[in-house]
Amino acid sequence: MAAKNYEAMLVFSVKNGDEAAQEVFNKFKALIEKNGTISNIDEWGKRKLAYDINYESEGYYVLVEYSAEPEFPAEFERVLGITDGVLRFLNTSK
């Protein structure tokens, strides 16, 4: 089956510092690269959240555009959901 294009908005916790958020992102970047191709990464950095999530008022935002087989996003979202340091994510097909 042909690869499809996806876009993922990821928000990481900064309670342990920006470097810790960057490390968590690098883990997911490697996961995407292993299963697909990244076409663009737009790191927004630390931003104020619209509302507190887990008593945190700031998050580290990253927008990733990638292509992968249609089976990959479900596994990607599963791993995002169980990883400490991920506050929110939205993964959509383009």
Protein backbone atom coordinates (compact mmCIF):
# COMPACT_ATOMS: atom_id res chain seq x y z
CA MET A 1 0.00 0.00 0.00
CA ALA A 2 1.24 3.52 -0.75
CA ALA A 3 2.47 5.88 1.93
CA LYS A 4 0.10 8.66 3.02
CA ASN A 5 0.92 12.12 4.32
CA TYR A 6 0.27 13.00 7.95
CA GLU A 7 0.66 15.95 10.27
CA ALA A 8 1.22 15.60 14.02
CA MET A 9 0.99 18.41 16.56
CA LEU A 10 2.80 17.32 19.71
CA VAL A 11 2.85 19.11 23.08
CA PHE A 12 5.46 17.97 25.60
CA SER A 13 5.82 18.71 29.30
CA VAL A 14 8.47 21.27 30.26
CA LYS A 15 8.33 20.60 34.03
CA ASN A 16 11.76 18.91 33.76
CA GLY A 17 13.15 21.59 31.43
CA ASP A 18 13.26 22.21 27.69
CA GLU A 19 16.05 19.66 27.26
CA ALA A 20 13.86 16.89 28.69
CA ALA A 21 11.05 17.86 26.30
CA GLN A 22 13.55 17.80 23.41
CA GLU A 23 14.70 14.30 24.43
CA VAL A 24 11.12 12.99 24.42
CA PHE A 25 10.57 14.57 20.99
CA ASN A 26 13.78 12.99 19.65
CA LYS A 27 12.42 9.58 20.68
CA PHE A 28 9.31 10.14 18.55
CA LYS A 29 11.34 11.64 15.70
CA ALA A 30 13.37 8.41 15.60
CA LEU A 31 10.16 6.34 15.67
CA ILE A 32 8.76 8.25 12.68
CA GLU A 33 12.04 8.00 10.75
CA LYS A 34 12.12 4.24 11.37
CA ASN A 35 8.59 3.81 9.94
CA GLY A 36 8.30 6.64 7.42
CA THR A 37 9.80 9.85 6.06
CA ILE A 38 9.73 13.26 7.76
CA SER A 39 9.14 16.09 5.30
CA ASN A 40 9.08 19.02 7.75
CA ILE A 41 9.62 19.75 11.45
CA ASP A 42 8.43 23.08 12.86
CA GLU A 43 9.55 23.49 16.47
CA TRP A 44 7.46 26.21 18.08
CA GLY A 45 9.26 25.79 21.40
CA LYS A 46 7.85 26.66 24.80
CA ARG A 47 4.43 28.30 24.73
CA LYS A 48 1.73 29.07 27.25
CA LEU A 49 -1.11 26.55 27.18
CA ALA A 50 -4.69 27.75 26.71
CA TYR A 51 -5.54 25.93 29.94
CA ASP A 52 -3.54 23.98 32.51
CA ILE A 53 -2.89 20.31 31.71
CA ASN A 54 -1.78 18.19 34.68
CA TYR A 55 -1.18 21.43 36.62
CA GLU A 56 1.23 22.69 33.95
CA SER A 57 0.71 26.06 32.27
CA GLU A 58 3.40 25.75 29.55
CA GLY A 59 4.24 23.14 26.95
CA TYR A 60 6.85 22.51 24.25
CA TYR A 61 5.12 22.49 20.86
CA VAL A 62 6.35 20.65 17.77
CA LEU A 63 4.58 20.26 14.41
CA VAL A 64 5.79 17.30 12.32
CA GLU A 65 4.79 16.54 8.73
CA TYR A 66 5.58 13.01 7.61
CA SER A 67 4.58 10.21 5.27
CA ALA A 68 4.12 6.61 6.34
CA GLU A 69 2.16 3.46 5.66
CA PRO A 70 -1.50 3.69 6.81
CA GLU A 71 -0.90 1.20 9.66
CA PHE A 72 1.73 3.36 11.40
CA PRO A 73 -0.36 6.26 12.82
CA ALA A 74 -2.35 3.95 15.13
CA GLU A 75 0.86 2.58 16.67
CA PHE A 76 2.36 6.10 16.81
CA GLU A 77 -0.68 7.39 18.71
CA ARG A 78 -0.63 4.37 21.05
CA VAL A 79 2.99 5.07 22.02
CA LEU A 80 2.30 8.81 22.41
CA GLY A 81 -0.60 8.02 24.72
CA ILE A 82 1.46 5.90 27.11
CA THR A 83 4.64 8.01 27.20
CA ASP A 84 5.38 10.23 30.20
CA GLY A 85 6.12 13.79 29.15
CA VAL A 86 3.50 13.96 26.38
CA LEU A 87 0.76 16.41 27.37
CA ARG A 88 -1.32 16.36 24.19
CA PHE A 89 -1.10 15.27 20.57
CA LEU A 90 -3.16 15.44 17.41
CA ASN A 91 -2.23 13.27 14.45
CA THR A 92 -4.17 13.86 11.20
CA SER A 93 -3.88 12.76 7.60
CA LYS A 94 -3.30 15.51 5.03
